[in-house]
N, C-alpha and C. Protein backbone atom coordinates (compact mmCIF):
# COMPACT_ATOMS: atom_id res chain seq x y z
N MET A 1 33.67 -99.28 101.36
CA MET A 1 34.98 -99.90 101.24
C MET A 1 36.02 -98.94 101.81
N ASN A 2 36.85 -99.45 102.71
CA ASN A 2 37.91 -98.62 103.26
C ASN A 2 39.24 -98.95 102.56
N LYS A 3 40.30 -98.31 102.99
CA LYS A 3 41.59 -98.45 102.31
C LYS A 3 42.09 -99.89 102.32
N SER A 4 42.00 -100.57 103.46
CA SER A 4 42.51 -101.95 103.53
C SER A 4 41.68 -102.89 102.66
N GLU A 5 40.37 -102.65 102.59
CA GLU A 5 39.52 -103.47 101.71
C GLU A 5 39.85 -103.21 100.24
N LEU A 6 40.15 -101.95 99.91
CA LEU A 6 40.54 -101.61 98.54
C LEU A 6 41.85 -102.29 98.18
N ILE A 7 42.81 -102.27 99.09
CA ILE A 7 44.10 -102.93 98.85
C ILE A 7 43.90 -104.43 98.62
N SER A 8 43.07 -105.06 99.43
CA SER A 8 42.79 -106.49 99.27
C SER A 8 42.15 -106.78 97.91
N SER A 9 41.20 -105.94 97.52
CA SER A 9 40.52 -106.12 96.24
C SER A 9 41.50 -105.95 95.07
N MET A 10 42.33 -104.92 95.16
CA MET A 10 43.33 -104.68 94.10
C MET A 10 44.31 -105.84 94.00
N ALA A 11 44.76 -106.34 95.13
CA ALA A 11 45.72 -107.45 95.15
C ALA A 11 45.12 -108.69 94.50
N GLU A 12 43.85 -108.96 94.82
CA GLU A 12 43.18 -110.13 94.26
C GLU A 12 42.98 -110.00 92.75
N LYS A 13 42.51 -108.82 92.30
CA LYS A 13 42.24 -108.62 90.88
C LYS A 13 43.52 -108.59 90.03
N ALA A 14 44.61 -108.05 90.59
CA ALA A 14 45.86 -107.96 89.84
C ALA A 14 46.77 -109.16 90.07
N ASN A 15 46.33 -110.07 90.95
CA ASN A 15 47.10 -111.27 91.28
C ASN A 15 48.51 -110.90 91.78
N VAL A 16 48.55 -109.95 92.72
CA VAL A 16 49.81 -109.53 93.36
C VAL A 16 49.62 -109.58 94.87
N SER A 17 50.70 -109.43 95.60
CA SER A 17 50.60 -109.44 97.06
C SER A 17 49.93 -108.16 97.56
N LYS A 18 49.39 -108.23 98.78
CA LYS A 18 48.77 -107.04 99.37
C LYS A 18 49.80 -105.94 99.57
N LYS A 19 51.04 -106.34 99.87
CA LYS A 19 52.12 -105.36 100.07
C LYS A 19 52.39 -104.60 98.78
N ASP A 20 52.42 -105.31 97.66
CA ASP A 20 52.63 -104.66 96.36
C ASP A 20 51.45 -103.77 95.98
N ALA A 21 50.25 -104.25 96.24
CA ALA A 21 49.04 -103.47 95.94
C ALA A 21 49.02 -102.19 96.78
N GLU A 22 49.42 -102.30 98.04
CA GLU A 22 49.47 -101.12 98.92
C GLU A 22 50.49 -100.11 98.40
N ALA A 23 51.64 -100.59 97.93
CA ALA A 23 52.67 -99.70 97.39
C ALA A 23 52.17 -98.98 96.14
N VAL A 24 51.46 -99.70 95.29
CA VAL A 24 50.92 -99.10 94.07
C VAL A 24 49.85 -98.06 94.41
N LEU A 25 48.97 -98.38 95.34
CA LEU A 25 47.93 -97.43 95.74
C LEU A 25 48.55 -96.17 96.35
N LYS A 26 49.57 -96.34 97.19
CA LYS A 26 50.25 -95.19 97.79
C LYS A 26 50.90 -94.33 96.72
N ALA A 27 51.56 -94.97 95.74
CA ALA A 27 52.19 -94.22 94.65
C ALA A 27 51.14 -93.48 93.83
N PHE A 28 49.99 -94.11 93.59
CA PHE A 28 48.89 -93.48 92.85
C PHE A 28 48.40 -92.23 93.58
N MET A 29 48.14 -92.37 94.88
CA MET A 29 47.65 -91.24 95.65
C MET A 29 48.69 -90.13 95.75
N ASP A 30 49.96 -90.49 95.94
CA ASP A 30 51.03 -89.50 96.01
C ASP A 30 51.17 -88.75 94.69
N SER A 31 51.08 -89.47 93.59
CA SER A 31 51.21 -88.86 92.26
C SER A 31 50.09 -87.87 92.00
N ILE A 32 48.87 -88.24 92.34
CA ILE A 32 47.74 -87.34 92.15
C ILE A 32 47.88 -86.12 93.06
N GLY A 33 48.27 -86.34 94.31
CA GLY A 33 48.47 -85.24 95.25
C GLY A 33 49.52 -84.25 94.76
N GLU A 34 50.64 -84.75 94.26
CA GLU A 34 51.70 -83.89 93.75
C GLU A 34 51.22 -83.09 92.54
N ALA A 35 50.48 -83.75 91.65
CA ALA A 35 49.98 -83.06 90.46
C ALA A 35 49.04 -81.93 90.86
N LEU A 36 48.15 -82.19 91.81
CA LEU A 36 47.21 -81.16 92.26
C LEU A 36 47.94 -80.02 92.96
N GLU A 37 48.98 -80.34 93.74
CA GLU A 37 49.79 -79.30 94.39
C GLU A 37 50.41 -78.37 93.37
N ASN A 38 50.81 -78.94 92.23
CA ASN A 38 51.46 -78.16 91.18
C ASN A 38 50.46 -77.47 90.25
N GLY A 39 49.18 -77.62 90.54
CA GLY A 39 48.15 -76.97 89.72
C GLY A 39 47.79 -77.73 88.46
N ASP A 40 48.24 -78.97 88.36
CA ASP A 40 47.94 -79.79 87.19
C ASP A 40 46.61 -80.51 87.37
N LYS A 41 46.06 -80.95 86.26
CA LYS A 41 44.82 -81.72 86.24
C LYS A 41 45.21 -83.16 85.88
N VAL A 42 44.59 -84.14 86.53
CA VAL A 42 44.84 -85.54 86.24
C VAL A 42 43.59 -86.12 85.60
N GLN A 43 43.70 -86.51 84.32
CA GLN A 43 42.55 -87.06 83.59
C GLN A 43 42.77 -88.54 83.33
N LEU A 44 41.85 -89.36 83.80
CA LEU A 44 41.87 -90.79 83.55
C LEU A 44 40.64 -91.09 82.70
N VAL A 45 40.85 -91.24 81.41
CA VAL A 45 39.74 -91.41 80.47
C VAL A 45 38.87 -92.59 80.89
N GLY A 46 37.58 -92.33 80.97
CA GLY A 46 36.62 -93.36 81.36
C GLY A 46 36.38 -93.40 82.86
N PHE A 47 37.34 -92.92 83.65
CA PHE A 47 37.19 -92.94 85.11
C PHE A 47 36.80 -91.57 85.64
N GLY A 48 37.62 -90.56 85.33
CA GLY A 48 37.29 -89.22 85.81
C GLY A 48 38.49 -88.29 85.82
N THR A 49 38.27 -87.09 86.34
CA THR A 49 39.29 -86.05 86.36
C THR A 49 39.44 -85.51 87.78
N PHE A 50 40.68 -85.45 88.23
CA PHE A 50 41.02 -84.83 89.50
C PHE A 50 41.60 -83.46 89.19
N GLU A 51 41.17 -82.43 89.92
CA GLU A 51 41.75 -81.11 89.74
C GLU A 51 41.62 -80.30 91.02
N ALA A 52 42.43 -79.26 91.11
CA ALA A 52 42.36 -78.35 92.26
C ALA A 52 41.57 -77.13 91.81
N LYS A 53 40.54 -76.79 92.57
CA LYS A 53 39.71 -75.64 92.23
C LYS A 53 39.88 -74.55 93.28
N ARG A 54 39.90 -73.32 92.82
CA ARG A 54 40.07 -72.17 93.70
C ARG A 54 38.72 -71.70 94.20
N ARG A 55 38.60 -71.54 95.51
CA ARG A 55 37.39 -71.01 96.13
C ARG A 55 37.72 -69.61 96.63
N GLU A 56 36.98 -68.64 96.17
CA GLU A 56 37.19 -67.25 96.58
C GLU A 56 36.73 -67.05 98.02
N ALA A 57 37.25 -66.00 98.65
CA ALA A 57 36.80 -65.63 99.99
C ALA A 57 35.33 -65.25 99.92
N ARG A 58 34.61 -65.56 100.98
CA ARG A 58 33.18 -65.26 100.97
C ARG A 58 32.70 -64.99 102.38
N LYS A 59 31.52 -64.42 102.46
CA LYS A 59 30.90 -64.13 103.76
C LYS A 59 30.13 -65.35 104.22
N GLY A 60 30.18 -65.61 105.51
CA GLY A 60 29.43 -66.70 106.10
C GLY A 60 28.85 -66.23 107.41
N ARG A 61 28.20 -67.15 108.10
CA ARG A 61 27.58 -66.78 109.37
C ARG A 61 27.85 -67.88 110.39
N ASN A 62 28.30 -67.47 111.57
CA ASN A 62 28.51 -68.41 112.66
C ASN A 62 27.14 -68.87 113.13
N PRO A 63 26.82 -70.17 113.03
CA PRO A 63 25.47 -70.63 113.37
C PRO A 63 25.12 -70.47 114.85
N GLN A 64 26.13 -70.41 115.72
CA GLN A 64 25.84 -70.28 117.15
C GLN A 64 25.55 -68.84 117.54
N THR A 65 26.35 -67.90 117.01
CA THR A 65 26.19 -66.50 117.43
C THR A 65 25.48 -65.65 116.39
N LYS A 66 25.26 -66.21 115.21
CA LYS A 66 24.65 -65.49 114.07
C LYS A 66 25.53 -64.33 113.60
N GLU A 67 26.77 -64.29 114.07
CA GLU A 67 27.69 -63.23 113.68
C GLU A 67 28.23 -63.50 112.28
N GLU A 68 28.33 -62.46 111.45
CA GLU A 68 28.85 -62.61 110.11
C GLU A 68 30.37 -62.74 110.18
N ILE A 69 30.91 -63.71 109.43
CA ILE A 69 32.35 -63.93 109.40
C ILE A 69 32.82 -63.99 107.96
N THR A 70 34.12 -63.81 107.76
CA THR A 70 34.71 -63.94 106.43
C THR A 70 35.39 -65.30 106.34
N ILE A 71 34.99 -66.08 105.37
CA ILE A 71 35.61 -67.39 105.12
C ILE A 71 36.73 -67.13 104.12
N PRO A 72 37.98 -67.46 104.49
CA PRO A 72 39.10 -67.15 103.61
C PRO A 72 39.09 -67.96 102.31
N ALA A 73 39.77 -67.43 101.30
CA ALA A 73 39.92 -68.14 100.02
C ALA A 73 40.72 -69.41 100.26
N SER A 74 40.47 -70.42 99.46
CA SER A 74 41.21 -71.68 99.58
C SER A 74 41.20 -72.42 98.25
N THR A 75 42.06 -73.41 98.17
CA THR A 75 42.09 -74.30 97.02
C THR A 75 41.67 -75.67 97.51
N VAL A 76 40.70 -76.28 96.82
CA VAL A 76 40.17 -77.57 97.25
C VAL A 76 40.30 -78.60 96.13
N PRO A 77 40.58 -79.87 96.48
CA PRO A 77 40.61 -80.91 95.45
C PRO A 77 39.18 -81.25 95.01
N ALA A 78 39.05 -81.56 93.73
CA ALA A 78 37.73 -81.91 93.19
C ALA A 78 37.87 -83.11 92.25
N PHE A 79 36.82 -83.92 92.18
CA PHE A 79 36.80 -85.07 91.28
C PHE A 79 35.52 -85.01 90.47
N LYS A 80 35.65 -85.17 89.17
CA LYS A 80 34.48 -85.23 88.29
C LYS A 80 34.51 -86.59 87.61
N ALA A 81 33.47 -87.37 87.81
CA ALA A 81 33.40 -88.73 87.26
C ALA A 81 33.31 -88.69 85.74
N GLY A 82 33.97 -89.65 85.10
CA GLY A 82 33.91 -89.78 83.65
C GLY A 82 32.66 -90.51 83.20
N LYS A 83 32.41 -90.49 81.90
CA LYS A 83 31.19 -91.07 81.34
C LYS A 83 31.04 -92.55 81.67
N GLU A 84 32.11 -93.33 81.49
CA GLU A 84 32.03 -94.78 81.74
C GLU A 84 31.73 -95.08 83.20
N LEU A 85 32.35 -94.34 84.12
CA LEU A 85 32.10 -94.55 85.54
C LEU A 85 30.66 -94.18 85.90
N LYS A 86 30.18 -93.09 85.34
CA LYS A 86 28.78 -92.68 85.59
C LYS A 86 27.82 -93.76 85.11
N GLU A 87 28.07 -94.28 83.91
CA GLU A 87 27.20 -95.30 83.35
C GLU A 87 27.23 -96.58 84.19
N ARG A 88 28.41 -96.94 84.68
CA ARG A 88 28.56 -98.14 85.49
C ARG A 88 27.79 -98.02 86.81
N VAL A 89 27.84 -96.86 87.42
CA VAL A 89 27.16 -96.62 88.68
C VAL A 89 25.65 -96.57 88.49
N ASN A 90 25.20 -96.08 87.34
CA ASN A 90 23.76 -95.90 87.09
C ASN A 90 23.08 -97.09 86.44
N LYS A 91 23.71 -98.26 86.41
CA LYS A 91 23.08 -99.44 85.82
C LYS A 91 21.88 -99.86 86.61
């Protein structure tokens, strides 16, 4: 499912226009993005948790030259599925 298919599905299930569903989805994604930027965790009970995790700098290897390189530290978004979502997927 891509973004436009998700918007269509949301509009149908909520009985709203696609334009309204798109606005709600954009607001949802913006809100989660802002929370993660600020170092906050977003918990949706039954669905899952979005959080930003810190990755320390580490050594890696260039696969073409086999030369050792340093991969810089970074912060990456992460999602952990909640119990209800896991159960729904594993039916």
